[in-house]
Protein backbone atom coordinates (compact mmCIF):
# COMPACT_ATOMS: atom_id res chain seq x y z
CA ALA A 1 -116.19 46.15 171.55
CA GLU A 2 -119.22 45.84 173.71
CA ILE A 3 -119.44 48.10 176.76
CA LEU A 4 -120.93 46.46 179.83
CA SER A 5 -122.19 48.44 182.77
CA ALA A 6 -120.54 47.38 186.02
CA LYS A 7 -123.87 48.13 187.69
CA SER A 8 -125.76 45.50 185.71
CA PHE A 9 -125.79 41.71 185.94
CA LEU A 10 -122.60 40.46 184.33
CA ARG A 11 -123.82 37.21 182.77
CA SER A 12 -122.47 38.22 179.35
CA ALA A 13 -119.05 38.89 180.90
CA PHE A 14 -118.95 35.41 182.43
CA GLU A 15 -120.02 33.86 179.13
CA LEU A 16 -117.39 35.80 177.19
CA LEU A 17 -114.59 34.75 179.55
CA LYS A 18 -115.67 31.12 179.49
CA GLU A 19 -115.39 31.29 175.67
CA ASN A 20 -111.80 32.57 175.99
CA GLY A 21 -112.76 36.19 175.27
CA ILE A 22 -111.17 39.33 176.64
CA ILE A 23 -112.63 41.87 179.04
CA MET A 24 -110.93 45.14 179.92
CA MET A 25 -111.61 46.60 183.36
CA ASN A 26 -110.14 49.46 185.36
CA GLY A 27 -107.86 47.84 187.91
CA ASP A 28 -107.57 51.00 189.96
CA GLY A 29 -111.31 51.29 190.34
CA ALA A 30 -113.23 54.31 191.48
CA ALA A 31 -112.77 56.95 188.80
CA GLY A 32 -115.45 59.54 189.19
CA LYS A 33 -115.72 58.72 192.89
CA GLN A 34 -118.10 55.83 192.16
CA PHE A 35 -117.21 52.71 194.12
CA ILE A 36 -119.06 49.98 192.26
CA GLY A 37 -118.85 46.49 193.71
CA LYS A 38 -116.70 45.23 196.54
CA HIS A 39 -113.44 47.04 197.36
CA ILE A 40 -110.74 46.05 199.82
CA SER A 41 -107.93 47.97 201.48
CA VAL A 42 -104.49 47.28 199.99
CA ARG A 43 -101.13 48.95 200.66
CA PHE A 44 -100.37 51.35 197.77
CA LEU A 45 -97.77 54.14 197.72
CA GLY A 46 -97.37 53.95 201.48
CA SER A 47 -101.06 54.16 202.36
CA ASN A 48 -103.99 51.80 202.65
CA VAL A 49 -106.13 52.42 199.56
CA LEU A 50 -109.39 50.86 198.41
CA PHE A 51 -109.12 48.69 195.27
CA PRO A 52 -111.87 46.70 193.54
CA VAL A 53 -111.97 42.91 193.64
CA GLY A 54 -114.03 42.56 190.44
CA ALA A 55 -111.25 41.45 188.08
CA VAL A 56 -109.90 38.90 190.55
CA ASN A 57 -113.40 37.63 191.26
CA LEU A 58 -114.17 37.21 187.54
CA ALA A 59 -110.85 35.46 186.94
CA ARG A 60 -111.42 33.14 189.86
CA ARG A 61 -114.97 32.24 188.86
CA THR A 62 -114.17 31.63 185.19
CA GLY A 63 -110.63 30.24 185.32
CA SER A 64 -109.35 33.31 183.43
CA TYR A 65 -106.17 35.30 183.96
CA VAL A 66 -105.63 38.91 184.96
CA LEU A 67 -103.23 40.62 182.54
CA PRO A 68 -102.18 44.08 183.76
CA LEU A 69 -102.32 46.49 180.81
CA PHE A 70 -100.89 50.01 180.80
CA ILE A 71 -101.07 52.79 178.24
CA LEU A 72 -97.96 54.95 178.15
CA ARG A 73 -97.74 58.29 176.40
CA GLU A 74 -94.53 58.54 174.38
CA SER A 75 -95.31 61.86 172.70
CA PRO A 76 -98.37 64.10 172.37
CA TRP A 77 -99.83 61.81 169.67
CA LYS A 78 -98.06 58.51 170.24
CA PHE A 79 -98.99 55.91 172.84
CA ARG A 80 -97.64 52.47 173.66
CA ILE A 81 -99.70 49.69 175.21
CA VAL A 82 -97.83 47.34 177.54
CA ILE A 83 -99.38 44.03 178.58
CA GLU A 84 -97.56 42.55 181.55
CA LYS A 85 -97.27 38.87 182.38
CA PRO A 86 -100.37 37.39 184.02
CA CYS A 87 -100.84 37.85 187.72
CA ASN A 88 -99.98 34.67 189.59
CA PRO A 89 -102.94 32.40 188.79
CA ASN A 90 -102.43 30.43 192.01
CA LEU A 91 -103.08 33.58 194.06
CA LEU A 92 -106.22 34.21 192.03
CA ARG A 93 -107.53 30.73 192.78
CA GLU A 94 -107.16 30.82 196.57
CA GLU A 95 -110.74 30.97 197.80
CA THR A 96 -109.75 31.95 201.33
CA ASP A 97 -108.16 35.31 200.60
CA MET A 98 -109.31 37.54 197.73
CA LYS A 99 -106.81 40.14 198.92
CA LYS A 100 -103.80 38.14 197.70
CA GLY A 101 -105.02 38.32 194.10
CA VAL A 102 -105.71 42.06 194.33
CA MET A 103 -102.29 42.67 195.92
CA GLU A 104 -100.62 40.84 193.02
CA PHE A 105 -102.12 43.35 190.56
CA VAL A 106 -101.52 46.37 192.82
CA LYS A 107 -97.82 45.51 193.11
CA THR A 108 -97.42 45.78 189.32
CA PHE A 109 -99.69 48.83 189.13
CA GLU A 110 -97.68 50.65 191.82
CA ASP A 111 -94.45 50.08 189.86
CA TYR A 112 -96.00 51.79 186.82
CA VAL A 113 -97.38 54.71 188.84
CA LYS A 114 -93.92 55.26 190.34
CA LYS A 115 -92.25 55.16 186.89
CA TYR A 116 -94.92 57.24 185.12
CA PRO A 117 -96.77 59.32 187.74
CA CYS A 118 -98.09 61.76 185.15
CA HIS A 119 -99.98 58.91 183.41
CA TRP A 120 -102.25 58.15 186.36
CA HIS A 121 -105.39 60.29 186.30
CA LEU A 122 -106.71 59.67 189.81
CA TRP A 123 -104.27 61.74 191.89
CA ASP A 124 -107.08 64.17 192.79
CA GLU A 125 -109.10 61.32 194.26
CA PHE A 126 -106.19 59.52 195.92
CA ARG A 127 -106.77 60.97 199.40
CA GLU A 128 -110.49 60.13 199.25
CA ARG A 129 -109.69 56.51 198.44
CA MET A 130 -107.34 56.08 201.37
CA ALA A 131 -108.63 53.63 203.93
CA ASP A 132 -106.33 54.69 206.81
């Protein structure tokens, strides 16, 4: 896999998606307290929290889908990867409101955090990401 810096120009990412490739991105965003790119406030676990729009923007601009992917720990050395159904592509295509596409992902993400709270590593930063 090729690692692309989110801080650099993403021409290779656009080219890869247009060729039906796969890109993995953090949907929850700002690990390490670095907010790279545009973020918007979305309701998450009862608070307004900043989430990145990068995945939705890439999907919209390339005609790709956003597939929520989660890694679940089943034992100390065994993990299971779950790929959920694609986020509603119609919401991703609406040019007028980027927030709808982000909210579609966050809804699925919130369900996983509620079911498996110990699997989310950004609890320490949660308060700092709140937009209230």
